Amino acid sequence: MLEILSNLGRTLVAYSGGVDSAYLAYIAHQAVGENMLAVIADSPSLARTHLQDATAFAEEQHIPLKVIQTAEMEKPDYARNDSSRCFHCKDELFQVMGEFAREHGFAAIAYGVNVDDQGDFRPGQRAAAQHQVAAPLLEAGLTKAEIRQLCHMAGLRVWDKPASACLSSRIEYGRPVTREALQAVEQGEDALRELGFRQFRVRHHGEIARIEIATDELPRALTAEMFQAFTRIFKALGFTYVTVDTEGFRSGSMNASRPGQRLVKLPGQSHFKIAPVGGIGNHRPIRRV
């Protein structure tokens, strides 16, 4: 990893504060010191708690950090929220980072895609390829589990941090991404966090709020008392109906609502994959960066 990063020269690291990007920023700083800069994109789709935690981690590890503003919400192709939304988000991010790199003399941009990401629906990887963004964790052949282990070995507190995507990923495909919808999701997730839950998602289906909670936390959620709390919280946020998903939390569950797609769990795997209706054998692999 150190050699891969050293060979990139002065590098901007696309940073979100999640496990992958946090480890990439940390190890890049180990490799090239002040010749790297972590860049976090701030927009309405980034939860304030995530921004605060990402900033705190960078400060703890003395990683140089720049917060930039991105304007994906202003792009109709993003706001209409079809299955290419993530492409338009990453396209905006890497375009803004590219301009910053040229203005400040950085030679490369890197992001935290890993080996496991190759089996999921990730249109943002296409944007990364188009902008010639480096993928050091993927180049090193690292899986998510291995990255968590490396974080643990390095004493990084993010090693067991739950996965977390942007707020827009909580809104069902075809429903426009609006500031109001993002705010309702963010406030709902803040409320679940205050109730003591650790891994969850609030899925926005218009009048319906669908709450996903990790299976090991579901027993606590499936009580009459907690149902009353959920109802009070989410109806106050403007939802008409409140549901708790009995399958529990699973990353990328909204991808199953894309036409002709479903979530499957492959033998020997602990996470879900996206496969076309009719069998996983017809699933076209994602292009690697």
Foldseek 3Di string as FASTA:
>chain_A
DLVVLVVQWQEEEAAQQALQSLLVLLSSCVNPNPSYEYEYEDDLQRFPVSVVNSVVLCVVSVRHYDYDYFDLLVDPVQQQFALLNQCSVLLRVLVVVVVVCVVPVGRAYEYRDAPVVQQASHNVQVSCVVSVHHHVRHVVRHDLLRSLVVCVVVVRPNSPQDDDDTLSLLEAGRHGDDSLSSVLQSQLVVVVVVVPARDWGFHDDDLETEIAGAPVCVVVCPDPVNVVVSVVSNVVSPHPYYYYDPVHDAPPCSVQPRPQWHWDADPPHPHIHIAGPPDNVPDDTDDHD
